[in-house]
């Protein structure tokens, strides 16, 4: 029987990783590795001090804490996530970062219980690639946005992911893990589809830009750790087994002094009509 689409957020389920502690470390690294560039993305999307922000699928709260610092004491950030364990970590992050203008709670992107017309800015960071029903998610997000408010979606598209040497093994790995994630309800090609999705949802002034993130900026080890290796945990058991030979070749090739990789991060924004 097909899973209830409202029971979870799709292909990502923290707690089911083989090594959850390592996945938590990856999430923290992903949130901090290119933070200065991501802050520029927020500024370009219209985030300013004093705004009320919703961080949807906030995970362990590291990014939400940075958003809270940007909006300042006159602003407010609300972080929601399905996973109780991640929300518990988010509360710890709030305490360690010393930010007070932030709240965390359990919440489902498909069943938002937040007040309508209450947020100036909604941030959805690497969540849409996991959603089986992005249209329903956008419908709910649109309801909680204030008229004139902005939705900013950050996500990926596997057609914009590269690695060398062993490019053939890398392409094979990307295809196999992408197929495995698709079977769980995900979509590793969502980036180029976001413009159409936001437009169809009734948002205005929709725009998509691509932020290239390369191993030259963050190092090949971090590139593989953040953008590549974890993908096997998002697949079915069969797809994971099929992908392991290619993964071994990629790991070996990454030790080459000429190893290089890049991922295109799609940044799509749109405003709720006044």
Protein backbone atom coordinates (compact mmCIF):
# COMPACT_ATOMS: atom_id res chain seq x y z
CA UNK A 1 0.00 0.00 0.00
CA UNK A 2 1.30 3.46 -0.87
CA UNK A 3 2.45 5.53 2.15
CA UNK A 4 0.25 8.39 3.31
CA UNK A 5 1.84 11.52 1.78
CA UNK A 6 0.91 13.46 4.91
CA UNK A 7 2.78 11.09 7.21
CA UNK A 8 6.22 12.46 6.39
CA UNK A 9 8.04 14.92 4.14
CA UNK A 10 9.07 12.38 1.53
CA UNK A 11 12.47 10.86 0.80
CA UNK A 12 14.38 12.29 3.77
CA UNK A 13 13.90 10.73 7.19
CA UNK A 14 16.45 11.60 9.86
CA UNK A 15 16.84 8.71 12.27
CA UNK A 16 16.99 6.08 9.54
CA UNK A 17 20.56 6.78 8.49
CA UNK A 18 23.13 4.09 9.16
CA UNK A 19 25.12 6.64 11.15
CA UNK A 20 22.80 9.39 12.37
CA UNK A 21 25.53 11.24 14.25
CA UNK A 22 27.51 11.61 11.02
CA UNK A 23 24.41 12.87 9.22
CA UNK A 24 23.90 15.48 11.94
CA UNK A 25 27.50 16.61 11.45
CA UNK A 26 26.83 16.84 7.70
CA UNK A 27 23.76 18.99 8.28
CA UNK A 28 25.77 21.37 10.45
CA UNK A 29 28.53 21.53 7.85
CA UNK A 30 25.98 22.12 5.10
CA UNK A 31 24.54 25.02 7.11
CA UNK A 32 27.86 26.73 7.79
CA UNK A 33 30.22 25.86 4.93
CA UNK A 34 29.21 28.68 2.59
CA UNK A 35 27.30 30.83 5.06
CA UNK A 36 28.56 34.20 3.83
CA UNK A 37 27.40 33.42 0.29
CA UNK A 38 24.06 32.15 1.58
CA UNK A 39 23.57 35.40 3.51
CA UNK A 40 24.07 37.23 0.22
CA UNK A 41 21.32 35.03 -1.23
CA UNK A 42 18.98 36.09 1.60
CA UNK A 43 19.79 39.75 1.06
CA UNK A 44 19.17 39.45 -2.69
CA UNK A 45 15.85 37.73 -1.95
CA UNK A 46 14.77 40.69 0.18
CA UNK A 47 15.43 39.54 3.75
CA UNK A 48 15.83 42.55 6.05
CA UNK A 49 15.92 43.25 9.80
CA UNK A 50 12.53 43.25 11.52
CA UNK A 51 10.96 40.57 9.33
CA UNK A 52 9.00 37.57 10.58
CA UNK A 53 10.55 34.49 8.99
CA UNK A 54 9.43 30.88 8.67
CA UNK A 55 12.22 28.33 8.21
CA UNK A 56 10.33 25.35 6.81
CA UNK A 57 11.86 21.91 7.50
CA UNK A 58 14.45 23.67 9.65
CA UNK A 59 16.22 20.46 10.70
CA UNK A 60 18.69 20.99 13.57
CA UNK A 61 18.14 24.75 13.52
CA UNK A 62 21.60 25.95 12.55
CA UNK A 63 20.36 28.00 9.60
CA UNK A 64 17.36 29.30 11.55
CA UNK A 65 19.72 30.72 14.17
CA UNK A 66 21.63 32.60 11.47
CA UNK A 67 18.37 33.92 10.04
CA UNK A 68 17.44 35.14 13.53
CA UNK A 69 20.69 37.07 13.76
CA UNK A 70 19.99 38.76 10.43
CA UNK A 71 16.43 39.87 11.26
CA UNK A 72 17.61 41.11 14.66
CA UNK A 73 15.76 41.83 17.87
CA UNK A 74 12.86 43.45 16.06
CA UNK A 75 12.37 40.37 13.90
CA UNK A 76 11.27 36.82 14.66
CA UNK A 77 12.08 33.38 13.23
CA UNK A 78 9.87 30.30 13.48
CA UNK A 79 11.44 26.94 12.67
CA UNK A 80 9.31 23.85 12.03
CA UNK A 81 10.36 20.30 11.30
CA UNK A 82 8.81 16.84 11.37
CA UNK A 83 11.55 15.22 13.38
CA UNK A 84 11.43 15.54 17.17
CA UNK A 85 15.10 14.66 17.54
CA UNK A 86 16.14 17.44 15.16
CA UNK A 87 13.89 19.94 16.94
CA UNK A 88 15.58 18.98 20.23
CA UNK A 89 18.96 19.72 18.61
CA UNK A 90 17.55 23.01 17.32
CA UNK A 91 16.69 24.10 20.87
CA UNK A 92 20.28 23.32 21.86
CA UNK A 93 21.56 25.37 18.91
CA UNK A 94 19.39 28.30 19.99
CA UNK A 95 20.89 28.18 23.48
CA UNK A 96 24.48 27.84 22.29
CA UNK A 97 24.10 30.67 19.75
CA UNK A 98 22.41 32.93 22.29
CA UNK A 99 19.52 33.98 20.06
CA UNK A 100 16.17 34.75 21.70
CA UNK A 101 14.05 35.81 18.73
CA UNK A 102 13.38 32.27 17.55
CA UNK A 103 10.94 29.45 18.29
CA UNK A 104 11.00 25.81 17.19
CA UNK A 105 8.14 23.34 16.94
CA UNK A 106 7.06 20.11 15.27
CA UNK A 107 5.38 20.84 11.97
CA UNK A 108 4.55 19.21 8.64
CA UNK A 109 4.89 21.18 5.41
CA UNK A 110 1.73 19.41 4.20
CA UNK A 111 -0.29 20.30 7.31
CA UNK A 112 0.86 23.71 8.50
CA UNK A 113 -1.15 24.89 11.51
CA UNK A 114 0.41 28.35 11.58
CA UNK A 115 -1.71 31.52 11.28
CA UNK A 116 -2.50 32.70 7.77
CA UNK A 117 -0.83 35.85 6.43
CA UNK A 118 1.75 35.89 9.23
CA UNK A 119 5.22 35.71 7.64
CA UNK A 120 7.17 38.25 5.61
CA UNK A 121 9.66 35.64 4.40
CA UNK A 122 9.50 31.85 4.10
CA UNK A 123 12.73 29.93 3.55
CA UNK A 124 12.70 26.37 2.18
CA UNK A 125 16.24 25.03 2.10
CA UNK A 126 16.90 21.67 0.40
CA UNK A 127 13.44 20.36 1.25
CA UNK A 128 11.58 20.41 -2.08
CA UNK A 129 13.87 17.71 -3.53
CA UNK A 130 12.33 15.33 -0.98
CA UNK A 131 8.65 16.17 -1.53
CA UNK A 132 6.25 13.87 -3.33
CA UNK A 133 3.64 16.63 -3.50
CA UNK A 134 5.36 20.02 -3.90
CA UNK A 135 2.12 21.62 -5.12
CA UNK A 136 0.41 20.96 -1.78
CA UNK A 137 3.46 22.27 0.07
CA UNK A 138 3.36 25.50 -1.95
CA UNK A 139 -0.37 25.89 -1.31
CA UNK A 140 0.23 25.76 2.44
CA UNK A 141 3.24 28.07 2.29
CA UNK A 142 1.26 30.61 0.26
CA UNK A 143 -1.42 30.69 2.97
CA UNK A 144 0.99 31.61 5.76
CA UNK A 145 2.79 34.29 3.71
CA UNK A 146 1.68 37.86 4.19
CA UNK A 147 0.45 39.64 1.05
CA UNK A 148 3.63 40.88 -0.59
CA UNK A 149 5.69 38.35 1.38
CA UNK A 150 8.52 36.39 -0.22
CA UNK A 151 9.13 32.67 -0.58
CA UNK A 152 12.76 31.71 -1.16
CA UNK A 153 13.47 28.10 -2.17
CA UNK A 154 17.01 26.77 -2.23
CA UNK A 155 17.51 23.38 -3.92
CA UNK A 156 19.47 21.30 -6.40
CA UNK A 157 19.22 19.73 -9.84
CA UNK A 158 21.39 16.72 -10.63
CA UNK A 159 21.85 17.93 -14.20
CA UNK A 160 24.05 20.64 -12.67
CA UNK A 161 26.33 18.36 -10.64
CA UNK A 162 29.83 17.43 -11.87
CA UNK A 163 32.98 15.62 -10.76
CA UNK A 164 36.32 14.67 -12.30
CA UNK A 165 38.21 12.33 -12.64
CA UNK A 166 36.00 9.22 -12.91
CA UNK A 167 33.23 11.27 -14.49
CA UNK A 168 31.56 8.13 -15.86
CA UNK A 169 31.42 6.52 -12.41
CA UNK A 170 30.10 9.79 -10.99
CA UNK A 171 27.33 10.06 -13.58
CA UNK A 172 26.40 6.43 -12.88
CA UNK A 173 26.31 7.10 -9.14
CA UNK A 174 24.20 10.24 -9.57
CA UNK A 175 21.69 8.42 -11.77
CA UNK A 176 21.44 5.38 -9.50
CA UNK A 177 21.00 7.33 -6.28
CA UNK A 178 18.63 9.74 -7.99
CA UNK A 179 16.47 6.84 -9.12
CA UNK A 180 16.51 5.39 -5.61
CA UNK A 181 15.43 8.69 -4.08
CA UNK A 182 12.67 9.02 -6.68
CA UNK A 183 11.26 5.68 -5.56
CA UNK A 184 10.94 7.16 -2.09
CA UNK A 185 9.04 10.17 -3.40
CA UNK A 186 11.94 12.54 -4.00
CA UNK A 187 13.01 14.49 -7.06
CA UNK A 188 16.69 15.24 -7.63
CA UNK A 189 15.81 17.36 -10.70
CA UNK A 190 13.56 19.77 -8.81
CA UNK A 191 15.81 22.83 -9.23
CA UNK A 192 14.93 23.60 -12.84
CA UNK A 193 11.25 22.92 -12.11
CA UNK A 194 10.92 25.44 -9.28
CA UNK A 195 10.22 28.43 -11.55
CA UNK A 196 7.17 26.71 -13.01
CA UNK A 197 5.98 25.39 -9.66
CA UNK A 198 6.07 28.79 -7.95
CA UNK A 199 4.44 30.46 -10.93
CA UNK A 200 1.67 27.86 -11.03
CA UNK A 201 1.12 28.37 -7.28
CA UNK A 202 0.11 31.97 -7.98
CA UNK A 203 3.27 33.72 -6.81
CA UNK A 204 4.41 36.82 -8.64
CA UNK A 205 7.80 38.13 -9.78
CA UNK A 206 9.15 34.58 -9.81
CA UNK A 207 12.86 34.39 -10.50
CA UNK A 208 15.45 31.60 -10.58
CA UNK A 209 19.20 32.05 -10.26
CA UNK A 210 21.90 29.40 -10.04
CA UNK A 211 24.57 29.60 -7.36
CA UNK A 212 27.59 27.47 -8.37
CA UNK A 213 29.37 25.84 -5.44
CA UNK A 214 32.69 24.20 -6.32
CA UNK A 215 35.37 22.16 -4.62
CA UNK A 216 37.74 25.07 -5.21
CA UNK A 217 35.76 27.03 -2.63
CA UNK A 218 35.13 24.34 -0.03
CA UNK A 219 37.64 21.57 -0.80
CA UNK A 220 37.00 18.24 -2.50
CA UNK A 221 36.51 16.38 0.79
CA UNK A 222 33.78 18.73 1.95
CA UNK A 223 32.22 18.83 -1.50
CA UNK A 224 31.82 15.06 -1.54
CA UNK A 225 30.69 14.93 2.08
CA UNK A 226 28.01 17.60 1.75
CA UNK A 227 26.79 17.10 -1.80
CA UNK A 228 27.46 13.50 -2.79
CA UNK A 229 28.30 10.66 -0.40
CA UNK A 230 25.23 10.90 1.87
CA UNK A 231 22.94 10.28 -1.11
CA UNK A 232 23.17 6.51 -0.77
CA UNK A 233 21.24 6.77 2.52
CA UNK A 234 18.27 8.31 0.67
CA UNK A 235 17.84 5.37 -1.67
CA UNK A 236 16.23 1.94 -1.52
CA UNK A 237 18.40 -0.96 -0.33
CA UNK A 238 18.71 -2.30 -3.88
CA UNK A 239 19.74 1.06 -5.35
CA UNK A 240 22.27 1.49 -2.56
CA UNK A 241 23.90 -1.85 -3.44
CA UNK A 242 23.96 -0.94 -7.12
CA UNK A 243 25.59 2.43 -6.39
CA UNK A 244 28.38 1.21 -4.10
CA UNK A 245 30.88 0.16 -6.84
CA UNK A 246 30.68 3.62 -8.44
CA UNK A 247 30.97 5.23 -5.01
CA UNK A 248 34.20 3.37 -4.32
CA UNK A 249 35.66 4.65 -7.61
CA UNK A 250 34.63 8.23 -6.74
CA UNK A 251 36.26 8.05 -3.30
CA UNK A 252 39.48 6.73 -4.82
CA UNK A 253 39.46 9.39 -7.56
CA UNK A 254 38.89 12.16 -5.01
CA UNK A 255 42.42 11.58 -3.70
CA UNK A 256 43.85 12.82 -6.99
CA UNK A 257 45.43 16.31 -6.73
CA UNK A 258 43.40 17.25 -9.82
CA UNK A 259 40.02 16.17 -8.42
CA UNK A 260 37.29 18.76 -8.93
CA UNK A 261 33.56 18.91 -8.36
CA UNK A 262 30.70 21.37 -8.58
CA UNK A 263 27.01 21.60 -7.85
CA UNK A 264 24.52 24.17 -9.08
CA UNK A 265 22.24 25.39 -6.31
CA UNK A 266 18.98 26.81 -7.64
CA UNK A 267 17.61 29.86 -5.81
CA UNK A 268 13.98 30.56 -6.73
CA UNK A 269 11.96 33.40 -5.24
CA UNK A 270 8.40 34.65 -5.62
CA UNK A 271 6.00 37.02 -3.86
CA UNK A 272 2.44 36.51 -2.71
CA UNK A 273 0.18 39.02 -4.48
CA UNK A 274 -0.79 42.08 -2.46
